[in-house]
Amino acid sequence: MLFVPYTTDAPIYHWPIATVGLIAANILVFAVVCVGGQLSPESWLLSYGDGVHPEQWLSSIFMHAGPGHLIGNMIFLWLFGLVVEGKLGWWRFLASYLAIGAAQMGLTQIIMLHYTGD
């Protein structure tokens, strides 16, 4: 069962700038990379067994497997982003989102450093 909050006691003090900005950035990257074909998805995706590529740690945060994956993640980001951004403020929320995402991608790439595909 998916955990989705339907109510919260956390007040929203300001318009969620970072949450809306991240949702817009995710949709824009999906449209440009997957639908528009303007950029190669391989340059944005996290590669395994091909060394360490820190530029992919940030770019791969914005990649999604398809429209359903994108929509599900954006709903989740909207629901939790409102509360977390309300507690942290927009710039701390944005910094936390990007830092946690990049750290997770970096750790994944380092763990998979010797992956050969076999």
PDB file of N, CA and C in Angstrom:
ATOM      1  N   MET A   1       0.844  -1.181   0.000  1.00  0.00           N
ATOM      2  CA  MET A   1       0.000   0.000   0.000  1.00  0.00           C
ATOM      3  C   MET A   1       0.889   1.244   0.000  1.00  0.00           C
ATOM      4  N   LEU A   2       0.587   2.160  -0.858  1.00  0.00           N
ATOM      5  CA  LEU A   2       1.353   3.394  -0.991  1.00  0.00           C
ATOM      6  C   LEU A   2       0.962   4.369   0.109  1.00  0.00           C
ATOM      7  N   PHE A   3       1.964   4.953   0.748  1.00  0.00           N
ATOM      8  CA  PHE A   3       1.722   5.929   1.799  1.00  0.00           C
ATOM      9  C   PHE A   3       1.597   7.307   1.169  1.00  0.00           C
ATOM     10  N   VAL A   4       0.386   7.842   1.151  1.00  0.00           N
ATOM     11  CA  VAL A   4       0.140   9.163   0.594  1.00  0.00           C
ATOM     12  C   VAL A   4      -0.609   9.986   1.640  1.00  0.00           C
ATOM     13  N   PRO A   5      -0.023  11.080   2.098  1.00  0.00           N
ATOM     14  CA  PRO A   5      -0.724  11.895   3.092  1.00  0.00           C
ATOM     15  C   PRO A   5      -1.902  12.627   2.456  1.00  0.00           C
ATOM     16  N   TYR A   6      -3.020  12.621   3.131  1.00  0.00           N
ATOM     17  CA  TYR A   6      -4.182  13.352   2.615  1.00  0.00           C
ATOM     18  C   TYR A   6      -4.517  14.547   3.491  1.00  0.00           C
ATOM     19  N   THR A   7      -3.810  14.677   4.594  1.00  0.00           N
ATOM     20  CA  THR A   7      -3.980  15.837   5.450  1.00  0.00           C
ATOM     21  C   THR A   7      -2.690  16.081   6.229  1.00  0.00           C
ATOM     22  N   THR A   8      -2.498  17.298   6.666  1.00  0.00           N
ATOM     23  CA  THR A   8      -1.321  17.635   7.452  1.00  0.00           C
ATOM     24  C   THR A   8      -1.651  18.801   8.369  1.00  0.00           C
ATOM     25  N   ASP A   9      -0.924  18.880   9.456  1.00  0.00           N
ATOM     26  CA  ASP A   9      -1.093  20.022  10.340  1.00  0.00           C
ATOM     27  C   ASP A   9      -0.001  21.064  10.109  1.00  0.00           C
ATOM     28  N   ALA A  10       0.838  20.806   9.122  1.00  0.00           N
ATOM     29  CA  ALA A  10       1.926  21.736   8.803  1.00  0.00           C
ATOM     30  C   ALA A  10       1.376  22.922   8.019  1.00  0.00           C
ATOM     31  N   PRO A  11       1.531  24.126   8.546  1.00  0.00           N
ATOM     32  CA  PRO A  11       1.045  25.298   7.813  1.00  0.00           C
ATOM     33  C   PRO A  11       1.924  25.599   6.598  1.00  0.00           C
ATOM     34  N   ILE A  12       1.319  26.127   5.580  1.00  0.00           N
ATOM     35  CA  ILE A  12       2.052  26.544   4.381  1.00  0.00           C
ATOM     36  C   ILE A  12       2.183  28.063   4.482  1.00  0.00           C
ATOM     37  N   TYR A  13       3.409  28.515   4.727  1.00  0.00           N
ATOM     38  CA  TYR A  13       3.661  29.932   4.976  1.00  0.00           C
ATOM     39  C   TYR A  13       3.850  30.757   3.705  1.00  0.00           C
ATOM     40  N   HIS A  14       4.221  30.116   2.624  1.00  0.00           N
ATOM     41  CA  HIS A  14       4.486  30.840   1.387  1.00  0.00           C
ATOM     42  C   HIS A  14       4.211  29.923   0.205  1.00  0.00           C
ATOM     43  N   TRP A  15       4.141  30.520  -0.949  1.00  0.00           N
ATOM     44  CA  TRP A  15       3.940  29.755  -2.164  1.00  0.00           C
ATOM     45  C   TRP A  15       5.139  28.837  -2.363  1.00  0.00           C
ATOM     46  N   PRO A  16       4.944  27.538  -2.675  1.00  0.00           N
ATOM     47  CA  PRO A  16       6.046  26.572  -2.744  1.00  0.00           C
ATOM     48  C   PRO A  16       6.913  26.745  -3.997  1.00  0.00           C
ATOM     49  N   ILE A  17       7.788  27.711  -3.967  1.00  0.00           N
ATOM     50  CA  ILE A  17       8.625  28.075  -5.118  1.00  0.00           C
ATOM     51  C   ILE A  17       9.491  26.911  -5.587  1.00  0.00           C
ATOM     52  N   ALA A  18      10.228  26.289  -4.672  1.00  0.00           N
ATOM     53  CA  ALA A  18      11.147  25.213  -5.052  1.00  0.00           C
ATOM     54  C   ALA A  18      10.399  23.973  -5.513  1.00  0.00           C
ATOM     55  N   THR A  19       9.311  23.633  -4.848  1.00  0.00           N
ATOM     56  CA  THR A  19       8.537  22.446  -5.233  1.00  0.00           C
ATOM     57  C   THR A  19       7.983  22.606  -6.640  1.00  0.00           C
ATOM     58  N   VAL A  20       7.373  23.741  -6.915  1.00  0.00           N
ATOM     59  CA  VAL A  20       6.826  23.996  -8.253  1.00  0.00           C
ATOM     60  C   VAL A  20       7.949  24.067  -9.282  1.00  0.00           C
ATOM     61  N   GLY A  21       9.068  24.686  -8.918  1.00  0.00           N
ATOM     62  CA  GLY A  21      10.218  24.769  -9.819  1.00  0.00           C
ATOM     63  C   GLY A  21      10.790  23.400 -10.148  1.00  0.00           C
ATOM     64  N   LEU A  22      10.888  22.526  -9.158  1.00  0.00           N
ATOM     65  CA  LEU A  22      11.400  21.173  -9.402  1.00  0.00           C
ATOM     66  C   LEU A  22      10.438  20.365 -10.264  1.00  0.00           C
ATOM     67  N   ILE A  23       9.159  20.517 -10.027  1.00  0.00           N
ATOM     68  CA  ILE A  23       8.169  19.815 -10.859  1.00  0.00           C
ATOM     69  C   ILE A  23       8.280  20.307 -12.298  1.00  0.00           C
ATOM     70  N   ALA A  24       8.375  21.615 -12.491  1.00  0.00           N
ATOM     71  CA  ALA A  24       8.514  22.175 -13.838  1.00  0.00           C
ATOM     72  C   ALA A  24       9.814  21.700 -14.500  1.00  0.00           C
ATOM     73  N   ALA A  25      10.912  21.674 -13.746  1.00  0.00           N
ATOM     74  CA  ALA A  25      12.196  21.217 -14.294  1.00  0.00           C
ATOM     75  C   ALA A  25      12.123  19.755 -14.709  1.00  0.00           C
ATOM     76  N   ASN A  26      11.506  18.914 -13.887  1.00  0.00           N
ATOM     77  CA  ASN A  26      11.362  17.497 -14.223  1.00  0.00           C
ATOM     78  C   ASN A  26      10.530  17.297 -15.487  1.00  0.00           C
ATOM     79  N   ILE A  27       9.437  18.030 -15.594  1.00  0.00           N
ATOM     80  CA  ILE A  27       8.576  17.923 -16.782  1.00  0.00           C
ATOM     81  C   ILE A  27       9.305  18.431 -18.017  1.00  0.00           C
ATOM     82  N   LEU A  28      10.019  19.541 -17.875  1.00  0.00           N
ATOM     83  CA  LEU A  28      10.767  20.099 -19.000  1.00  0.00           C
ATOM     84  C   LEU A  28      11.857  19.139 -19.486  1.00  0.00           C
ATOM     85  N   VAL A  29      12.617  18.582 -18.561  1.00  0.00           N
ATOM     86  CA  VAL A  29      13.668  17.628 -18.947  1.00  0.00           C
ATOM     87  C   VAL A  29      13.052  16.407 -19.616  1.00  0.00           C
ATOM     88  N   PHE A  30      11.952  15.896 -19.069  1.00  0.00           N
ATOM     89  CA  PHE A  30      11.287  14.745 -19.687  1.00  0.00           C
ATOM     90  C   PHE A  30      10.839  15.079 -21.105  1.00  0.00           C
ATOM     91  N   ALA A  31      10.243  16.248 -21.284  1.00  0.00           N
ATOM     92  CA  ALA A  31       9.763  16.647 -22.603  1.00  0.00           C
ATOM     93  C   ALA A  31      10.907  16.803 -23.598  1.00  0.00           C
ATOM     94  N   VAL A  32      11.977  17.444 -23.176  1.00  0.00           N
ATOM     95  CA  VAL A  32      13.109  17.688 -24.080  1.00  0.00           C
ATOM     96  C   VAL A  32      13.847  16.392 -24.408  1.00  0.00           C
ATOM     97  N   VAL A  33      14.098  15.556 -23.402  1.00  0.00           N
ATOM     98  CA  VAL A  33      14.900  14.355 -23.606  1.00  0.00           C
ATOM     99  C   VAL A  33      14.084  13.229 -24.223  1.00  0.00           C
ATOM    100  N   CYS A  34      12.928  12.933 -23.675  1.00  0.00           N
ATOM    101  CA  CYS A  34      12.184  11.750 -24.100  1.00  0.00           C
ATOM    102  C   CYS A  34      11.197  11.999 -25.230  1.00  0.00           C
ATOM    103  N   VAL A  35      10.518  13.113 -25.184  1.00  0.00           N
ATOM    104  CA  VAL A  35       9.496  13.384 -26.189  1.00  0.00           C
ATOM    105  C   VAL A  35      10.071  14.158 -27.370  1.00  0.00           C
ATOM    106  N   GLY A  36      10.812  15.214 -27.084  1.00  0.00           N
ATOM    107  CA  GLY A  36      11.345  16.055 -28.138  1.00  0.00           C
ATOM    108  C   GLY A  36      12.523  15.469 -28.883  1.00  0.00           C
ATOM    109  N   GLY A  37      13.278  14.589 -28.217  1.00  0.00           N
ATOM    110  CA  GLY A  37      14.433  13.982 -28.857  1.00  0.00           C
ATOM    111  C   GLY A  37      15.573  14.960 -29.099  1.00  0.00           C
ATOM    112  N   GLN A  38      15.555  16.098 -28.411  1.00  0.00           N
ATOM    113  CA  GLN A  38      16.587  17.112 -28.614  1.00  0.00           C
ATOM    114  C   GLN A  38      17.922  16.711 -27.989  1.00  0.00           C
ATOM    115  N   LEU A  39      17.865  15.993 -26.864  1.00  0.00           N
ATOM    116  CA  LEU A  39      19.070  15.554 -26.168  1.00  0.00           C
ATOM    117  C   LEU A  39      19.077  14.039 -26.074  1.00  0.00           C
ATOM    118  N   SER A  40      20.243  13.453 -26.047  1.00  0.00           N
ATOM    119  CA  SER A  40      20.373  12.014 -25.904  1.00  0.00           C
ATOM    120  C   SER A  40      20.161  11.614 -24.444  1.00  0.00           C
ATOM    121  N   PRO A  41      19.236  10.678 -24.173  1.00  0.00           N
ATOM    122  CA  PRO A  41      19.028  10.241 -22.784  1.00  0.00           C
ATOM    123  C   PRO A  41      20.290   9.627 -22.174  1.00  0.00           C
ATOM    124  N   GLU A  42      21.124   9.001 -22.989  1.00  0.00           N
ATOM    125  CA  GLU A  42      22.330   8.356 -22.478  1.00  0.00           C
ATOM    126  C   GLU A  42      23.281   9.351 -21.822  1.00  0.00           C
ATOM    127  N   SER A  43      23.283  10.585 -22.275  1.00  0.00           N
ATOM    128  CA  SER A  43      24.166  11.584 -21.674  1.00  0.00           C
ATOM    129  C   SER A  43      23.655  12.053 -20.317  1.00  0.00           C
ATOM    130  N   TRP A  44      22.373  11.842 -20.032  1.00  0.00           N
ATOM    131  CA  TRP A  44      21.778  12.269 -18.768  1.00  0.00           C
ATOM    132  C   TRP A  44      21.670  11.130 -17.767  1.00  0.00           C
ATOM    133  N   LEU A  45      21.647   9.874 -18.260  1.00  0.00           N
ATOM    134  CA  LEU A  45      21.458   8.718 -17.384  1.00  0.00           C
ATOM    135  C   LEU A  45      22.721   8.367 -16.616  1.00  0.00           C
ATOM    136  N   LEU A  46      22.548   7.697 -15.509  1.00  0.00           N
ATOM    137  CA  LEU A  46      23.649   7.219 -14.690  1.00  0.00           C
ATOM    138  C   LEU A  46      24.224   5.977 -15.356  1.00  0.00           C
ATOM    139  N   SER A  47      25.524   5.985 -15.667  1.00  0.00           N
ATOM    140  CA  SER A  47      26.153   4.823 -16.299  1.00  0.00           C
ATOM    141  C   SER A  47      26.845   3.971 -15.243  1.00  0.00           C
ATOM    142  N   TYR A  48      26.811   2.666 -15.465  1.00  0.00           N
ATOM    143  CA  TYR A  48      27.411   1.708 -14.529  1.00  0.00           C
ATOM    144  C   TYR A  48      28.616   1.034 -15.172  1.00  0.00           C
ATOM    145  N   GLY A  49      29.665   0.823 -14.389  1.00  0.00           N
ATOM    146  CA  GLY A  49      30.846   0.104 -14.853  1.00  0.00           C
ATOM    147  C   GLY A  49      31.709   0.881 -15.822  1.00  0.00           C
ATOM    148  N   ASP A  50      31.513   2.165 -15.900  1.00  0.00           N
ATOM    149  CA  ASP A  50      32.243   3.000 -16.860  1.00  0.00           C
ATOM    150  C   ASP A  50      32.958   4.144 -16.154  1.00  0.00           C
ATOM    151  N   GLY A  51      33.342   3.932 -14.904  1.00  0.00           N
ATOM    152  CA  GLY A  51      34.022   4.978 -14.155  1.00  0.00           C
ATOM    153  C   GLY A  51      33.048   5.832 -13.369  1.00  0.00           C
ATOM    154  N   VAL A  52      33.597   6.868 -12.764  1.00  0.00           N
ATOM    155  CA  VAL A  52      32.806   7.789 -11.948  1.00  0.00           C
ATOM    156  C   VAL A  52      32.567   9.066 -12.763  1.00  0.00           C
ATOM    157  N   HIS A  53      31.302   9.457 -12.865  1.00  0.00           N
ATOM    158  CA  HIS A  53      30.913  10.632 -13.655  1.00  0.00           C
ATOM    159  C   HIS A  53      30.033  11.547 -12.804  1.00  0.00           C
ATOM    160  N   PRO A  54      30.635  12.469 -12.045  1.00  0.00           N
ATOM    161  CA  PRO A  54      29.852  13.330 -11.142  1.00  0.00           C
ATOM    162  C   PRO A  54      28.781  14.166 -11.842  1.00  0.00           C
ATOM    163  N   GLU A  55      28.971  14.518 -13.103  1.00  0.00           N
ATOM    164  CA  GLU A  55      27.955  15.304 -13.811  1.00  0.00           C
ATOM    165  C   GLU A  55      26.655  14.525 -13.956  1.00  0.00           C
ATOM    166  N   GLN A  56      26.742  13.184 -14.002  1.00  0.00           N
ATOM    167  CA  GLN A  56      25.545  12.350 -14.104  1.00  0.00           C
ATOM    168  C   GLN A  56      24.800  12.262 -12.778  1.00  0.00           C
ATOM    169  N   TRP A  57      25.485  12.530 -11.686  1.00  0.00           N
ATOM    170  CA  TRP A  57      24.849  12.436 -10.371  1.00  0.00           C
ATOM    171  C   TRP A  57      23.710  13.443 -10.260  1.00  0.00           C
ATOM    172  N   LEU A  58      23.862  14.591 -10.848  1.00  0.00           N
ATOM    173  CA  LEU A  58      22.821  15.616 -10.800  1.00  0.00           C
ATOM    174  C   LEU A  58      21.829  15.462 -11.950  1.00  0.00           C
ATOM    175  N   SER A  59      22.334  15.211 -13.152  1.00  0.00           N
ATOM    176  CA  SER A  59      21.431  15.136 -14.307  1.00  0.00           C
ATOM    177  C   SER A  59      20.481  13.949 -14.224  1.00  0.00           C
ATOM    178  N   SER A  60      20.927  12.829 -13.680  1.00  0.00           N
ATOM    179  CA  SER A  60      20.076  11.643 -13.643  1.00  0.00           C
ATOM    180  C   SER A  60      18.930  11.761 -12.638  1.00  0.00           C
ATOM    181  N   ILE A  61      19.000  12.734 -11.734  1.00  0.00           N
ATOM    182  CA  ILE A  61      17.895  12.969 -10.801  1.00  0.00           C
ATOM    183  C   ILE A  61      16.627  13.334 -11.575  1.00  0.00           C
ATOM    184  N   PHE A  62      16.787  13.973 -12.711  1.00  0.00           N
ATOM    185  CA  PHE A  62      15.649  14.491 -13.473  1.00  0.00           C
ATOM    186  C   PHE A  62      15.155  13.539 -14.561  1.00  0.00           C
ATOM    187  N   MET A  63      15.705  12.323 -14.619  1.00  0.00           N
ATOM    188  CA  MET A  63      15.297  11.353 -15.633  1.00  0.00           C
ATOM    189  C   MET A  63      14.187  10.453 -15.101  1.00  0.00           C
ATOM    190  N   HIS A  64      13.252  10.092 -15.985  1.00  0.00           N
ATOM    191  CA  HIS A  64      12.134   9.222 -15.629  1.00  0.00           C
ATOM    192  C   HIS A  64      11.932   8.192 -16.738  1.00  0.00           C
ATOM    193  N   ALA A  65      11.448   7.016 -16.358  1.00  0.00           N
ATOM    194  CA  ALA A  65      11.321   5.893 -17.289  1.00  0.00           C
ATOM    195  C   ALA A  65      10.149   6.041 -18.262  1.00  0.00           C
ATOM    196  N   GLY A  66       9.196   6.858 -17.938  1.00  0.00           N
ATOM    197  CA  GLY A  66       8.041   7.037 -18.811  1.00  0.00           C
ATOM    198  C   GLY A  66       7.065   8.007 -18.178  1.00  0.00           C
ATOM    199  N   PRO A  67       5.955   8.276 -18.871  1.00  0.00           N
ATOM    200  CA  PRO A  67       4.977   9.229 -18.358  1.00  0.00           C
ATOM    201  C   PRO A  67       4.390   8.825 -17.004  1.00  0.00           C
ATOM    202  N   GLY A  68       4.113   7.541 -16.800  1.00  0.00           N
ATOM    203  CA  GLY A  68       3.564   7.092 -15.522  1.00  0.00           C
ATOM    204  C   GLY A  68       4.538   7.304 -14.369  1.00  0.00           C
ATOM    205  N   HIS A  69       5.798   7.023 -14.617  1.00  0.00           N
ATOM    206  CA  HIS A  69       6.847   7.228 -13.615  1.00  0.00           C
ATOM    207  C   HIS A  69       6.957   8.712 -13.286  1.00  0.00           C
ATOM    208  N   LEU A  70       6.952   9.550 -14.292  1.00  0.00           N
ATOM    209  CA  LEU A  70       7.029  11.002 -14.098  1.00  0.00           C
ATOM    210  C   LEU A  70       5.832  11.510 -13.293  1.00  0.00           C
ATOM    211  N   ILE A  71       4.624  11.121 -13.680  1.00  0.00           N
ATOM    212  CA  ILE A  71       3.414  11.585 -13.003  1.00  0.00           C
ATOM    213  C   ILE A  71       3.403  11.129 -11.545  1.00  0.00           C
ATOM    214  N   GLY A  72       3.729   9.868 -11.302  1.00  0.00           N
ATOM    215  CA  GLY A  72       3.769   9.357  -9.931  1.00  0.00           C
ATOM    216  C   GLY A  72       4.774  10.101  -9.064  1.00  0.00           C
ATOM    217  N   ASN A  73       5.961  10.326  -9.606  1.00  0.00           N
ATOM    218  CA  ASN A  73       6.986  11.045  -8.847  1.00  0.00           C
ATOM    219  C   ASN A  73       6.597  12.496  -8.602  1.00  0.00           C
ATOM    220  N   MET A  74       5.949  13.135  -9.557  1.00  0.00           N
ATOM    221  CA  MET A  74       5.574  14.538  -9.380  1.00  0.00           C
ATOM    222  C   MET A  74       4.437  14.684  -8.376  1.00  0.00           C
ATOM    223  N   ILE A  75       3.516  13.723  -8.329  1.00  0.00           N
ATOM    224  CA  ILE A  75       2.475  13.743  -7.299  1.00  0.00           C
ATOM    225  C   ILE A  75       3.116  13.597  -5.928  1.00  0.00           C
ATOM    226  N   PHE A  76       4.044  12.643  -5.807  1.00  0.00           N
ATOM    227  CA  PHE A  76       4.750  12.429  -4.549  1.00  0.00           C
ATOM    228  C   PHE A  76       5.538  13.669  -4.157  1.00  0.00           C
ATOM    229  N   LEU A  77       6.237  14.283  -5.123  1.00  0.00           N
ATOM    230  CA  LEU A  77       7.012  15.498  -4.854  1.00  0.00           C
ATOM    231  C   LEU A  77       6.088  16.629  -4.401  1.00  0.00           C
ATOM    232  N   TRP A  78       4.941  16.784  -5.019  1.00  0.00           N
ATOM    233  CA  TRP A  78       4.006  17.836  -4.645  1.00  0.00           C
ATOM    234  C   TRP A  78       3.504  17.634  -3.215  1.00  0.00           C
ATOM    235  N   LEU A  79       3.086  16.407  -2.893  1.00  0.00           N
ATOM    236  CA  LEU A  79       2.521  16.141  -1.571  1.00  0.00           C
ATOM    237  C   LEU A  79       3.543  16.332  -0.454  1.00  0.00           C
ATOM    238  N   PHE A  80       4.729  15.788  -0.628  1.00  0.00           N
ATOM    239  CA  PHE A  80       5.738  15.893   0.409  1.00  0.00           C
ATOM    240  C   PHE A  80       6.533  17.187   0.316  1.00  0.00           C
ATOM    241  N   GLY A  81       6.702  17.710  -0.884  1.00  0.00           N
ATOM    242  CA  GLY A  81       7.448  18.944  -1.065  1.00  0.00           C
ATOM    243  C   GLY A  81       6.801  20.127  -0.373  1.00  0.00           C
ATOM    244  N   LEU A  82       5.471  20.184  -0.414  1.00  0.00           N
ATOM    245  CA  LEU A  82       4.756  21.275   0.258  1.00  0.00           C
ATOM    246  C   LEU A  82       5.092  21.331   1.740  1.00  0.00           C
ATOM    247  N   VAL A  83       5.061  20.177   2.390  1.00  0.00           N
ATOM    248  CA  VAL A  83       5.294  20.119   3.834  1.00  0.00           C
ATOM    249  C   VAL A  83       6.761  20.375   4.153  1.00  0.00           C
ATOM    250  N   VAL A  84       7.659  19.699   3.433  1.00  0.00           N
ATOM    251  CA  VAL A  84       9.086  19.822   3.733  1.00  0.00           C
ATOM    252  C   VAL A  84       9.580  21.226   3.405  1.00  0.00           C
ATOM    253  N   GLU A  85       9.172  21.768   2.269  1.00  0.00           N
ATOM    254  CA  GLU A  85       9.575  23.134   1.924  1.00  0.00           C
ATOM    255  C   GLU A  85       9.004  24.136   2.928  1.00  0.00           C
ATOM    256  N   GLY A  86       7.786  23.879   3.404  1.00  0.00           N
ATOM    257  CA  GLY A  86       7.195  24.747   4.411  1.00  0.00           C
ATOM    258  C   GLY A  86       7.984  24.758   5.708  1.00  0.00           C
ATOM    259  N   LYS A  87       8.578  23.628   6.051  1.00  0.00           N
ATOM    260  CA  LYS A  87       9.374  23.533   7.285  1.00  0.00           C
ATOM    261  C   LYS A  87      10.790  24.072   7.102  1.00  0.00           C
ATOM    262  N   LEU A  88      11.422  23.774   5.943  1.00  0.00           N
ATOM    263  CA  LEU A  88      12.826  24.139   5.722  1.00  0.00           C
ATOM    264  C   LEU A  88      13.018  25.500   5.069  1.00  0.00           C
ATOM    265  N   GLY A  89      12.047  25.946   4.306  1.00  0.00           N
ATOM    266  CA  GLY A  89      12.231  27.121   3.465  1.00  0.00           C
ATOM    267  C   GLY A  89      12.652  26.655   2.077  1.00  0.00           C
ATOM    268  N   TRP A  90      12.469  27.514   1.084  1.00  0.00           N
ATOM    269  CA  TRP A  90      12.677  27.065  -0.294  1.00  0.00           C
ATOM    270  C   TRP A  90      14.122  26.740  -0.608  1.00  0.00           C
ATOM    271  N   TRP A  91      15.075  27.533  -0.141  1.00  0.00           N
ATOM    272  CA  TRP A  91      16.462  27.287  -0.544  1.00  0.00           C
ATOM    273  C   TRP A  91      17.057  26.093   0.189  1.00  0.00           C
ATOM    274  N   ARG A  92      16.675  25.857   1.449  1.00  0.00           N
ATOM    275  CA  ARG A  92      17.153  24.661   2.162  1.00  0.00           C
ATOM    276  C   ARG A  92      16.524  23.399   1.587  1.00  0.00           C
ATOM    277  N   PHE A  93      15.243  23.496   1.214  1.00  0.00           N
ATOM    278  CA  PHE A  93      14.573  22.357   0.598  1.00  0.00           C
ATOM    279  C   PHE A  93      15.230  22.009  -0.731  1.00  0.00           C
ATOM    280  N   LEU A  94      15.468  23.011  -1.562  1.00  0.00           N
ATOM    281  CA  LEU A  94      16.103  22.770  -2.865  1.00  0.00           C
ATOM    282  C   LEU A  94      17.504  22.197  -2.691  1.00  0.00           C
ATOM    283  N   ALA A  95      18.284  22.753  -1.785  1.00  0.00           N
ATOM    284  CA  ALA A  95      19.634  22.242  -1.526  1.00  0.00           C
ATOM    285  C   ALA A  95      19.578  20.809  -1.013  1.00  0.00           C
ATOM    286  N   SER A  96      18.635  20.518  -0.121  1.00  0.00           N
ATOM    287  CA  SER A  96      18.499  19.157   0.412  1.00  0.00           C
ATOM    288  C   SER A  96      18.088  18.179  -0.673  1.00  0.00           C
ATOM    289  N   TYR A  97      17.132  18.561  -1.496  1.00  0.00           N
ATOM    290  CA  TYR A  97      16.644  17.707  -2.583  1.00  0.00           C
ATOM    291  C   TYR A  97      17.790  17.348  -3.529  1.00  0.00           C
ATOM    292  N   LEU A  98      18.531  18.364  -3.953  1.00  0.00           N
ATOM    293  CA  LEU A  98      19.628  18.128  -4.895  1.00  0.00           C
ATOM    294  C   LEU A  98      20.782  17.370  -4.248  1.00  0.00           C
ATOM    295  N   ALA A  99      21.107  17.688  -3.001  1.00  0.00           N
ATOM    296  CA  ALA A  99      22.210  17.010  -2.312  1.00  0.00           C
ATOM    297  C   ALA A  99      21.891  15.542  -2.051  1.00  0.00           C
ATOM    298  N   ILE A 100      20.689  15.257  -1.590  1.00  0.00           N
ATOM    299  CA  ILE A 100      20.303  13.868  -1.324  1.00  0.00           C
ATOM    300  C   ILE A 100      20.252  13.080  -2.627  1.00  0.00           C
ATOM    301  N   GLY A 101      19.684  13.674  -3.670  1.00  0.00           N
ATOM    302  CA  GLY A 101      19.620  13.000  -4.968  1.00  0.00           C
ATOM    303  C   GLY A 101      20.999  12.724  -5.541  1.00  0.00           C
ATOM    304  N   ALA A 102      21.882  13.715  -5.511  1.00  0.00           N
ATOM    305  CA  ALA A 102      23.241  13.541  -6.037  1.00  0.00           C
ATOM    306  C   ALA A 102      24.021  12.523  -5.209  1.00  0.00           C
ATOM    307  N   ALA A 103      23.857  12.548  -3.889  1.00  0.00           N
ATOM    308  CA  ALA A 103      24.548  11.578  -3.026  1.00  0.00           C
ATOM    309  C   ALA A 103      24.071  10.158  -3.317  1.00  0.00           C
ATOM    310  N   GLN A 104      22.785   9.993  -3.515  1.00  0.00           N
ATOM    311  CA  GLN A 104      22.244   8.668  -3.819  1.00  0.00           C
ATOM    312  C   GLN A 104      22.763   8.172  -5.162  1.00  0.00           C
ATOM    313  N   MET A 105      22.771   9.038  -6.167  1.00  0.00           N
ATOM    314  CA  MET A 105      23.268   8.646  -7.489  1.00  0.00           C
ATOM    315  C   MET A 105      24.767   8.358  -7.444  1.00  0.00           C
ATOM    316  N   GLY A 106      25.517   9.169  -6.710  1.00  0.00           N
ATOM    317  CA  GLY A 106      26.957   8.943  -6.579  1.00  0.00           C
ATOM    318  C   GLY A 106      27.255   7.626  -5.897  1.00  0.00           C
ATOM    319  N   LEU A 107      26.534   7.340  -4.824  1.00  0.00           N
ATOM    320  CA  LEU A 107      26.724   6.087  -4.102  1.00  0.00           C
ATOM    321  C   LEU A 107      26.383   4.897  -4.998  1.00  0.00           C
ATOM    322  N   THR A 108      25.287   5.005  -5.730  1.00  0.00           N
ATOM    323  CA  THR A 108      24.892   3.937  -6.644  1.00  0.00           C
ATOM    324  C   THR A 108      25.966   3.704  -7.695  1.00  0.00           C
ATOM    325  N   GLN A 109      26.491   4.772  -8.284  1.00  0.00           N
ATOM    326  CA  GLN A 109      27.506   4.624  -9.321  1.00  0.00           C
ATOM    327  C   GLN A 109      28.802   4.036  -8.758  1.00  0.00           C
ATOM    328  N   ILE A 110      29.173   4.420  -7.561  1.00  0.00           N
ATOM    329  CA  ILE A 110      30.388   3.883  -6.938  1.00  0.00           C
ATOM    330  C   ILE A 110      30.204   2.408  -6.598  1.00  0.00           C
ATOM    331  N   ILE A 111      29.035   2.028  -6.076  1.00  0.00           N
ATOM    332  CA  ILE A 111      28.767   0.621  -5.774  1.00  0.00           C
ATOM    333  C   ILE A 111      28.808  -0.212  -7.049  1.00  0.00           C
ATOM    334  N   MET A 112      28.309   0.322  -8.141  1.00  0.00           N
ATOM    335  CA  MET A 112      28.243  -0.401  -9.414  1.00  0.00           C
ATOM    336  C   MET A 112      29.478  -0.157 -10.288  1.00  0.00           C
ATOM    337  N   LEU A 113      30.557   0.314  -9.701  1.00  0.00           N
ATOM    338  CA  LEU A 113      31.760   0.699 -10.458  1.00  0.00           C
ATOM    339  C   LEU A 113      32.317  -0.444 -11.307  1.00  0.00           C
ATOM    340  N   HIS A 114      32.266  -1.652 -10.820  1.00  0.00           N
ATOM    341  CA  HIS A 114      32.837  -2.787 -11.545  1.00  0.00           C
ATOM    342  C   HIS A 114      31.787  -3.652 -12.230  1.00  0.00           C
ATOM    343  N   TYR A 115      30.616  -3.082 -12.454  1.00  0.00           N
ATOM    344  CA  TYR A 115      29.531  -3.792 -13.131  1.00  0.00           C
ATOM    345  C   TYR A 115      29.905  -4.020 -14.596  1.00  0.00           C
ATOM    346  N   THR A 116      29.723  -5.249 -15.052  1.00  0.00           N
ATOM    347  CA  THR A 116      30.079  -5.573 -16.437  1.00  0.00           C
ATOM    348  C   THR A 116      28.869  -5.926 -17.289  1.00  0.00           C
ATOM    349  N   GLY A 117      27.702  -6.040 -16.679  1.00  0.00           N
ATOM    350  CA  GLY A 117      26.497  -6.363 -17.436  1.00  0.00           C
ATOM    351  C   GLY A 117      26.233  -7.849 -17.569  1.00  0.00           C
ATOM    352  N   ASP A 118      27.071  -8.676 -16.958  1.00  0.00           N
ATOM    353  CA  ASP A 118      26.897 -10.126 -17.065  1.00  0.00           C
ATOM    354  C   ASP A 118      25.919 -10.655 -16.063  1.00  0.00           C
TER     355      ASP A 118
END
